[in-house]
């Protein structure tokens, strides 16, 4: 082997190992954080594959189902008459908008016990994000561009 070949091998092999290690770390990181969005109906129809995937499920919080036990919150999500029991054990407390009849999105794993074990919880209150009624918008006066320009310095 020539000195030139040994020089390339001396630097090429470690660089190849580093590139392969970084590629593996990137691939495994993407696989770990990837989650599938499914409805409650789809979740019920997934069979055994539902237990091995990270999932996101949305629905309405069933009234009177929220039970707080320290950092753990148990509640039911409802969608088209189907009920999904959820146990949230995330690091953050549920948002203020998390209450009965609010829309919620949970991310986590579906357990063989039939309970969705969530590590992430997002909630919104439907009334808070409702569109402004058109009658109110029609009664709002339009801004007067001439009045606005009189306040500008000259």
N, C-alpha and C. Protein backbone atom coordinates (compact mmCIF):
# COMPACT_ATOMS: atom_id res chain seq x y z
N UNK A 1 0.86 -1.18 0.00
CA UNK A 1 0.00 0.00 0.00
C UNK A 1 0.90 1.24 0.00
N UNK A 2 0.60 2.17 -0.87
CA UNK A 2 1.42 3.38 -0.98
C UNK A 2 1.14 4.32 0.18
N UNK A 3 2.08 5.22 0.47
CA UNK A 3 1.87 6.19 1.55
C UNK A 3 0.62 7.06 1.31
N UNK A 4 0.36 7.36 0.04
CA UNK A 4 -0.82 8.17 -0.29
C UNK A 4 -2.10 7.41 0.08
N UNK A 5 -2.18 6.12 -0.21
CA UNK A 5 -3.36 5.31 0.11
C UNK A 5 -3.55 5.18 1.61
N UNK A 6 -2.43 5.01 2.33
CA UNK A 6 -2.52 4.93 3.80
C UNK A 6 -3.03 6.25 4.38
N UNK A 7 -2.64 7.35 3.80
CA UNK A 7 -3.08 8.67 4.29
C UNK A 7 -4.60 8.82 4.10
N UNK A 8 -5.10 8.40 2.91
CA UNK A 8 -6.55 8.46 2.67
C UNK A 8 -7.31 7.52 3.60
N UNK A 9 -6.80 6.33 3.83
CA UNK A 9 -7.45 5.37 4.71
C UNK A 9 -7.45 5.87 6.15
N UNK A 10 -6.36 6.52 6.55
CA UNK A 10 -6.22 7.02 7.92
C UNK A 10 -7.32 8.05 8.25
N UNK A 11 -7.68 8.87 7.26
CA UNK A 11 -8.71 9.89 7.50
C UNK A 11 -10.08 9.46 6.97
N UNK A 12 -10.12 8.63 5.96
CA UNK A 12 -11.38 8.22 5.35
C UNK A 12 -12.21 7.31 6.23
N UNK A 13 -11.57 6.37 6.90
CA UNK A 13 -12.31 5.43 7.75
C UNK A 13 -12.98 6.14 8.93
N UNK A 14 -12.28 6.98 9.70
CA UNK A 14 -12.98 7.69 10.79
C UNK A 14 -14.10 8.61 10.30
N UNK A 15 -13.87 9.27 9.16
CA UNK A 15 -14.91 10.15 8.63
C UNK A 15 -16.14 9.34 8.22
N UNK A 16 -15.93 8.19 7.62
CA UNK A 16 -17.05 7.32 7.23
C UNK A 16 -17.82 6.85 8.46
N UNK A 17 -17.11 6.49 9.52
CA UNK A 17 -17.76 6.05 10.76
C UNK A 17 -18.59 7.19 11.36
N UNK A 18 -18.04 8.40 11.37
CA UNK A 18 -18.76 9.56 11.92
C UNK A 18 -20.01 9.85 11.11
N UNK A 19 -19.90 9.83 9.78
CA UNK A 19 -21.06 10.10 8.92
C UNK A 19 -22.14 9.05 9.12
N UNK A 20 -21.76 7.78 9.20
CA UNK A 20 -22.74 6.72 9.44
C UNK A 20 -23.41 6.86 10.80
N UNK A 21 -22.63 7.22 11.83
CA UNK A 21 -23.21 7.41 13.17
C UNK A 21 -24.21 8.56 13.17
N UNK A 22 -23.86 9.68 12.54
CA UNK A 22 -24.78 10.82 12.47
C UNK A 22 -26.04 10.46 11.68
N UNK A 23 -25.89 9.70 10.60
CA UNK A 23 -27.05 9.26 9.84
C UNK A 23 -27.97 8.39 10.66
N UNK A 24 -27.39 7.47 11.43
CA UNK A 24 -28.19 6.60 12.30
C UNK A 24 -28.92 7.41 13.37
N UNK A 25 -28.22 8.37 13.99
CA UNK A 25 -28.86 9.20 15.02
C UNK A 25 -30.01 10.03 14.43
N UNK A 26 -29.82 10.57 13.24
CA UNK A 26 -30.88 11.34 12.60
C UNK A 26 -32.08 10.45 12.29
N UNK A 27 -31.83 9.28 11.73
CA UNK A 27 -32.92 8.36 11.39
C UNK A 27 -33.68 7.92 12.64
N UNK A 28 -32.96 7.53 13.68
CA UNK A 28 -33.64 7.05 14.89
C UNK A 28 -34.39 8.19 15.58
N UNK A 29 -33.87 9.41 15.52
CA UNK A 29 -34.58 10.56 16.10
C UNK A 29 -35.88 10.85 15.39
N UNK A 30 -35.87 10.77 14.07
CA UNK A 30 -37.09 10.99 13.29
C UNK A 30 -38.11 9.89 13.59
N UNK A 31 -37.67 8.64 13.67
CA UNK A 31 -38.58 7.54 13.95
C UNK A 31 -39.21 7.68 15.33
N UNK A 32 -38.44 8.20 16.29
CA UNK A 32 -38.92 8.32 17.66
C UNK A 32 -39.95 9.43 17.81
N UNK A 33 -39.80 10.52 17.05
CA UNK A 33 -40.70 11.66 17.20
C UNK A 33 -41.85 11.65 16.21
N UNK A 34 -41.84 10.73 15.27
CA UNK A 34 -42.91 10.66 14.27
C UNK A 34 -44.20 10.19 14.93
N UNK A 35 -45.30 10.86 14.61
CA UNK A 35 -46.59 10.43 15.14
C UNK A 35 -47.63 10.47 14.03
N UNK A 36 -48.61 9.58 14.11
CA UNK A 36 -49.67 9.47 13.12
C UNK A 36 -50.95 10.06 13.69
N UNK A 37 -51.64 10.89 12.89
CA UNK A 37 -52.93 11.44 13.31
C UNK A 37 -54.03 10.47 12.88
N UNK A 38 -54.82 10.03 13.85
CA UNK A 38 -55.93 9.13 13.57
C UNK A 38 -57.17 9.62 14.31
N UNK A 39 -58.33 9.25 13.80
CA UNK A 39 -59.58 9.53 14.51
C UNK A 39 -59.81 8.38 15.50
N UNK A 40 -60.76 8.55 16.39
CA UNK A 40 -61.07 7.49 17.35
C UNK A 40 -61.56 6.25 16.61
N UNK A 41 -62.34 6.44 15.56
CA UNK A 41 -62.84 5.31 14.78
C UNK A 41 -61.68 4.56 14.13
N UNK A 42 -60.74 5.30 13.55
CA UNK A 42 -59.57 4.67 12.92
C UNK A 42 -58.72 3.94 13.95
N UNK A 43 -58.59 4.54 15.13
CA UNK A 43 -57.80 3.91 16.20
C UNK A 43 -58.41 2.57 16.59
N UNK A 44 -59.72 2.51 16.71
CA UNK A 44 -60.39 1.26 17.06
C UNK A 44 -60.22 0.20 15.98
N UNK A 45 -60.04 0.61 14.73
CA UNK A 45 -59.91 -0.33 13.63
C UNK A 45 -58.47 -0.72 13.31
N UNK A 46 -57.49 -0.15 14.01
CA UNK A 46 -56.09 -0.42 13.70
C UNK A 46 -55.61 -1.79 14.19
N UNK A 47 -56.28 -2.36 15.14
CA UNK A 47 -55.86 -3.65 15.67
C UNK A 47 -54.56 -3.54 16.44
N UNK A 48 -53.70 -4.56 16.30
CA UNK A 48 -52.46 -4.63 17.06
C UNK A 48 -51.43 -3.59 16.68
N UNK A 49 -51.53 -3.02 15.48
CA UNK A 49 -50.54 -2.01 15.07
C UNK A 49 -50.69 -0.71 15.85
N UNK A 50 -51.83 -0.49 16.50
CA UNK A 50 -52.03 0.73 17.27
C UNK A 50 -51.15 0.78 18.52
N UNK A 51 -50.73 -0.37 19.01
CA UNK A 51 -49.97 -0.42 20.25
C UNK A 51 -48.50 -0.05 20.08
N UNK A 52 -47.99 -0.10 18.86
CA UNK A 52 -46.57 0.12 18.65
C UNK A 52 -46.24 1.48 18.05
N UNK A 53 -47.23 2.30 17.75
CA UNK A 53 -46.99 3.59 17.10
C UNK A 53 -47.31 4.75 18.03
N UNK A 54 -46.60 5.84 17.81
CA UNK A 54 -46.93 7.09 18.51
C UNK A 54 -48.06 7.73 17.71
N UNK A 55 -49.14 8.09 18.40
CA UNK A 55 -50.35 8.54 17.73
C UNK A 55 -50.81 9.89 18.25
N UNK A 56 -51.60 10.58 17.41
CA UNK A 56 -52.31 11.80 17.81
C UNK A 56 -53.79 11.55 17.57
N UNK A 57 -54.60 11.89 18.55
CA UNK A 57 -56.04 11.68 18.45
C UNK A 57 -56.74 12.95 18.94
N UNK A 58 -57.78 13.37 18.22
CA UNK A 58 -58.54 14.56 18.61
C UNK A 58 -59.98 14.19 18.89
N UNK A 59 -60.64 15.01 19.70
CA UNK A 59 -62.05 14.81 20.00
C UNK A 59 -62.51 15.86 21.00
N UNK A 60 -63.76 15.75 21.40
CA UNK A 60 -64.32 16.65 22.41
C UNK A 60 -64.19 15.99 23.78
N UNK A 61 -63.90 16.80 24.78
CA UNK A 61 -63.80 16.29 26.14
C UNK A 61 -65.21 16.01 26.65
N UNK A 62 -65.45 14.78 27.05
CA UNK A 62 -66.76 14.37 27.54
C UNK A 62 -67.07 15.10 28.85
N UNK A 63 -68.26 15.71 28.96
CA UNK A 63 -68.62 16.42 30.18
C UNK A 63 -68.54 15.51 31.42
N UNK A 64 -68.08 16.06 32.51
CA UNK A 64 -67.97 15.39 33.81
C UNK A 64 -67.05 14.17 33.79
N UNK A 65 -66.11 14.11 32.85
CA UNK A 65 -65.19 12.98 32.82
C UNK A 65 -63.79 13.34 33.31
N UNK A 66 -63.52 14.61 33.54
CA UNK A 66 -62.18 15.05 33.94
C UNK A 66 -61.95 14.74 35.42
N UNK A 67 -60.91 13.96 35.69
CA UNK A 67 -60.51 13.62 37.07
C UNK A 67 -59.04 13.94 37.22
N UNK A 68 -58.72 14.91 38.08
CA UNK A 68 -57.32 15.31 38.30
C UNK A 68 -56.80 14.62 39.55
N UNK A 69 -55.62 14.02 39.41
CA UNK A 69 -54.97 13.36 40.54
C UNK A 69 -53.51 13.79 40.54
N UNK A 70 -53.24 14.94 41.13
CA UNK A 70 -51.88 15.47 41.10
C UNK A 70 -51.52 15.85 39.68
N UNK A 71 -50.36 15.38 39.19
CA UNK A 71 -49.96 15.72 37.83
C UNK A 71 -50.69 14.89 36.76
N UNK A 72 -51.40 13.87 37.18
CA UNK A 72 -52.10 12.98 36.25
C UNK A 72 -53.55 13.45 36.07
N UNK A 73 -54.01 13.44 34.82
CA UNK A 73 -55.39 13.83 34.50
C UNK A 73 -56.02 12.71 33.68
N UNK A 74 -57.18 12.26 34.11
CA UNK A 74 -57.94 11.24 33.38
C UNK A 74 -59.20 11.90 32.83
N UNK A 75 -59.51 11.58 31.57
CA UNK A 75 -60.72 12.11 30.94
C UNK A 75 -61.07 11.25 29.74
N UNK A 76 -62.21 11.53 29.14
CA UNK A 76 -62.66 10.79 27.96
C UNK A 76 -62.76 11.75 26.79
N UNK A 77 -62.30 11.29 25.61
CA UNK A 77 -62.52 12.02 24.37
C UNK A 77 -63.70 11.36 23.66
N UNK A 78 -64.55 12.17 23.05
CA UNK A 78 -65.73 11.67 22.35
C UNK A 78 -65.69 12.19 20.92
N UNK A 79 -66.02 11.28 19.98
CA UNK A 79 -66.11 11.67 18.57
C UNK A 79 -67.15 10.77 17.91
N UNK A 80 -68.21 11.37 17.39
CA UNK A 80 -69.27 10.61 16.71
C UNK A 80 -69.80 9.45 17.55
N UNK A 81 -69.99 9.67 18.82
CA UNK A 81 -70.53 8.65 19.71
C UNK A 81 -69.51 7.65 20.23
N UNK A 82 -68.28 7.68 19.74
CA UNK A 82 -67.23 6.77 20.22
C UNK A 82 -66.47 7.44 21.35
N UNK A 83 -66.14 6.66 22.38
CA UNK A 83 -65.48 7.20 23.57
C UNK A 83 -64.08 6.58 23.69
N UNK A 84 -63.09 7.44 23.98
CA UNK A 84 -61.72 6.98 24.18
C UNK A 84 -61.24 7.47 25.54
N UNK A 85 -61.00 6.54 26.49
CA UNK A 85 -60.44 6.95 27.78
C UNK A 85 -58.99 7.39 27.60
N UNK A 86 -58.62 8.50 28.25
CA UNK A 86 -57.28 9.06 28.13
C UNK A 86 -56.70 9.30 29.52
N UNK A 87 -55.43 8.99 29.68
CA UNK A 87 -54.69 9.33 30.89
C UNK A 87 -53.53 10.20 30.45
N UNK A 88 -53.50 11.45 30.92
CA UNK A 88 -52.43 12.39 30.57
C UNK A 88 -51.45 12.47 31.73
N UNK A 89 -50.19 12.19 31.44
CA UNK A 89 -49.14 12.28 32.47
C UNK A 89 -47.97 13.11 31.96
N UNK A 90 -48.27 14.19 31.28
CA UNK A 90 -47.22 15.04 30.72
C UNK A 90 -46.53 15.86 31.79
N UNK A 91 -45.49 16.55 31.36
CA UNK A 91 -44.71 17.35 32.30
C UNK A 91 -45.35 18.70 32.59
N UNK A 92 -46.26 19.15 31.73
CA UNK A 92 -46.93 20.44 31.92
C UNK A 92 -48.37 20.23 32.37
N UNK A 93 -48.88 21.19 33.12
CA UNK A 93 -50.28 21.11 33.52
C UNK A 93 -51.16 21.38 32.30
N UNK A 94 -52.37 20.84 32.28
CA UNK A 94 -53.27 21.09 31.14
C UNK A 94 -53.56 22.58 31.01
N UNK A 95 -53.77 23.06 29.79
CA UNK A 95 -54.05 24.49 29.59
C UNK A 95 -55.38 24.91 30.20
N UNK A 96 -55.55 26.21 30.39
CA UNK A 96 -56.79 26.75 30.97
C UNK A 96 -58.00 26.44 30.11
N UNK A 97 -57.80 26.28 28.83
CA UNK A 97 -58.92 26.01 27.92
C UNK A 97 -59.37 24.55 27.96
N UNK A 98 -58.67 23.73 28.73
CA UNK A 98 -59.04 22.31 28.85
C UNK A 98 -60.17 22.19 29.86
N UNK A 99 -61.37 21.94 29.36
CA UNK A 99 -62.56 21.80 30.21
C UNK A 99 -63.61 21.00 29.46
N UNK A 100 -64.73 20.75 30.09
CA UNK A 100 -65.81 19.97 29.48
C UNK A 100 -66.21 20.57 28.13
N UNK A 101 -66.45 19.70 27.16
CA UNK A 101 -66.90 20.05 25.80
C UNK A 101 -65.86 20.80 24.96
N UNK A 102 -64.65 21.00 25.46
CA UNK A 102 -63.64 21.65 24.65
C UNK A 102 -63.02 20.65 23.69
N UNK A 103 -62.46 21.14 22.61
CA UNK A 103 -61.76 20.29 21.66
C UNK A 103 -60.36 20.04 22.20
N UNK A 104 -59.91 18.79 22.15
CA UNK A 104 -58.59 18.44 22.67
C UNK A 104 -57.86 17.55 21.67
N UNK A 105 -56.55 17.70 21.64
CA UNK A 105 -55.67 16.87 20.82
C UNK A 105 -54.64 16.26 21.75
N UNK A 106 -54.55 14.94 21.76
CA UNK A 106 -53.59 14.25 22.62
C UNK A 106 -52.59 13.49 21.76
N UNK A 107 -51.37 13.40 22.26
CA UNK A 107 -50.33 12.65 21.57
C UNK A 107 -49.69 11.69 22.55
N UNK A 108 -49.55 10.44 22.13
CA UNK A 108 -48.96 9.44 23.01
C UNK A 108 -49.12 8.05 22.41
N UNK A 109 -49.36 7.08 23.28
CA UNK A 109 -49.47 5.68 22.85
C UNK A 109 -50.77 5.07 23.35
N UNK A 110 -51.32 4.19 22.53
CA UNK A 110 -52.53 3.46 22.89
C UNK A 110 -52.12 2.18 23.59
N UNK A 111 -52.63 1.97 24.79
CA UNK A 111 -52.25 0.80 25.57
C UNK A 111 -53.16 -0.38 25.33
N UNK A 112 -52.64 -1.55 25.65
CA UNK A 112 -53.43 -2.78 25.50
C UNK A 112 -54.59 -2.81 26.49
N UNK A 113 -54.57 -1.92 27.47
CA UNK A 113 -55.66 -1.82 28.44
C UNK A 113 -56.85 -1.02 27.89
N UNK A 114 -56.74 -0.53 26.64
CA UNK A 114 -57.82 0.23 26.03
C UNK A 114 -57.80 1.70 26.40
N UNK A 115 -56.74 2.15 27.05
CA UNK A 115 -56.61 3.54 27.48
C UNK A 115 -55.50 4.19 26.66
N UNK A 116 -55.74 5.43 26.24
CA UNK A 116 -54.72 6.18 25.52
C UNK A 116 -53.85 6.89 26.54
N UNK A 117 -52.55 6.64 26.52
CA UNK A 117 -51.61 7.23 27.47
C UNK A 117 -50.91 8.41 26.80
N UNK A 118 -51.34 9.62 27.15
CA UNK A 118 -50.87 10.83 26.49
C UNK A 118 -49.74 11.50 27.26
N UNK A 119 -48.74 11.96 26.49
CA UNK A 119 -47.66 12.76 27.07
C UNK A 119 -47.79 14.22 26.67
N UNK A 120 -48.64 14.52 25.69
CA UNK A 120 -48.86 15.89 25.23
C UNK A 120 -50.36 16.13 25.11
N UNK A 121 -50.80 17.31 25.53
CA UNK A 121 -52.22 17.65 25.50
C UNK A 121 -52.36 19.09 25.03
N UNK A 122 -53.20 19.29 24.00
CA UNK A 122 -53.54 20.63 23.54
C UNK A 122 -55.05 20.75 23.60
N UNK A 123 -55.52 21.92 23.97
CA UNK A 123 -56.97 22.13 24.07
C UNK A 123 -57.33 23.52 23.61
N UNK A 124 -58.54 23.64 23.09
CA UNK A 124 -59.05 24.96 22.75
C UNK A 124 -60.52 25.02 23.10
N UNK A 125 -60.97 26.18 23.45
CA UNK A 125 -62.37 26.41 23.78
C UNK A 125 -63.06 26.90 22.52
N UNK A 126 -64.08 26.22 22.08
CA UNK A 126 -64.74 26.55 20.82
C UNK A 126 -65.28 27.98 20.83
N UNK A 127 -65.83 28.45 21.95
CA UNK A 127 -66.40 29.79 21.99
C UNK A 127 -65.32 30.86 21.89
N UNK A 128 -64.14 30.57 22.37
CA UNK A 128 -63.06 31.54 22.34
C UNK A 128 -62.56 31.79 20.92
N UNK A 129 -62.66 30.79 20.06
CA UNK A 129 -62.15 30.90 18.71
C UNK A 129 -63.25 31.01 17.67
N UNK A 130 -64.46 31.33 18.10
CA UNK A 130 -65.58 31.44 17.17
C UNK A 130 -65.41 32.67 16.29
N UNK A 131 -65.91 32.59 15.07
CA UNK A 131 -65.82 33.70 14.14
C UNK A 131 -66.72 34.83 14.61
N UNK A 132 -66.32 36.04 14.28
CA UNK A 132 -67.08 37.22 14.65
C UNK A 132 -68.38 37.24 13.83
N UNK A 133 -69.53 37.49 14.48
CA UNK A 133 -70.79 37.52 13.73
C UNK A 133 -70.74 38.60 12.65
N UNK A 134 -71.36 38.33 11.51
CA UNK A 134 -71.31 39.27 10.40
C UNK A 134 -72.10 40.54 10.69
N UNK A 135 -73.16 40.46 11.49
CA UNK A 135 -73.94 41.66 11.80
C UNK A 135 -73.08 42.66 12.56
N UNK A 136 -72.25 42.21 13.47
CA UNK A 136 -71.38 43.10 14.23
C UNK A 136 -70.33 43.71 13.32
N UNK A 137 -69.78 42.91 12.42
CA UNK A 137 -68.76 43.40 11.51
C UNK A 137 -69.36 44.44 10.56
N UNK A 138 -70.61 44.26 10.14
CA UNK A 138 -71.25 45.20 9.23
C UNK A 138 -71.54 46.52 9.92
N UNK A 139 -71.77 46.52 11.23
CA UNK A 139 -72.09 47.74 11.96
C UNK A 139 -70.85 48.50 12.40
N UNK A 140 -69.66 47.94 12.22
CA UNK A 140 -68.43 48.61 12.62
C UNK A 140 -68.08 49.65 11.57
N UNK A 141 -67.87 50.91 11.98
CA UNK A 141 -67.56 51.95 10.99
C UNK A 141 -66.18 51.71 10.38
N UNK A 142 -66.09 52.01 9.11
CA UNK A 142 -64.82 51.88 8.40
C UNK A 142 -63.91 53.04 8.82
N UNK A 143 -62.61 52.83 8.86
CA UNK A 143 -61.71 53.92 9.23
C UNK A 143 -61.72 55.01 8.16
N UNK A 144 -61.63 56.25 8.61
CA UNK A 144 -61.63 57.41 7.73
C UNK A 144 -60.18 57.76 7.41
N UNK A 145 -59.72 57.56 6.17
CA UNK A 145 -58.33 57.83 5.85
C UNK A 145 -57.98 59.30 5.96
N UNK A 146 -58.93 60.23 5.71
CA UNK A 146 -58.64 61.65 5.80
C UNK A 146 -58.41 62.05 7.25
N UNK A 147 -59.18 61.50 8.16
CA UNK A 147 -59.01 61.84 9.58
C UNK A 147 -57.67 61.32 10.09
N UNK A 148 -57.26 60.17 9.63
CA UNK A 148 -55.99 59.61 10.06
C UNK A 148 -54.83 60.44 9.56
N UNK A 149 -54.94 61.00 8.33
CA UNK A 149 -53.82 61.74 7.78
C UNK A 149 -53.68 63.11 8.42
N UNK A 150 -54.73 63.65 9.08
CA UNK A 150 -54.61 64.98 9.69
C UNK A 150 -53.77 64.91 10.95
N UNK A 151 -53.58 63.72 11.55
CA UNK A 151 -52.80 63.60 12.74
C UNK A 151 -51.31 63.39 12.47
N UNK A 152 -50.94 63.30 11.21
CA UNK A 152 -49.55 63.07 10.88
C UNK A 152 -48.75 64.37 10.98
N UNK A 153 -47.51 64.30 11.44
CA UNK A 153 -46.69 65.51 11.47
C UNK A 153 -46.31 65.94 10.04
N UNK A 154 -46.17 67.22 9.85
CA UNK A 154 -45.86 67.77 8.52
C UNK A 154 -44.44 68.23 8.43
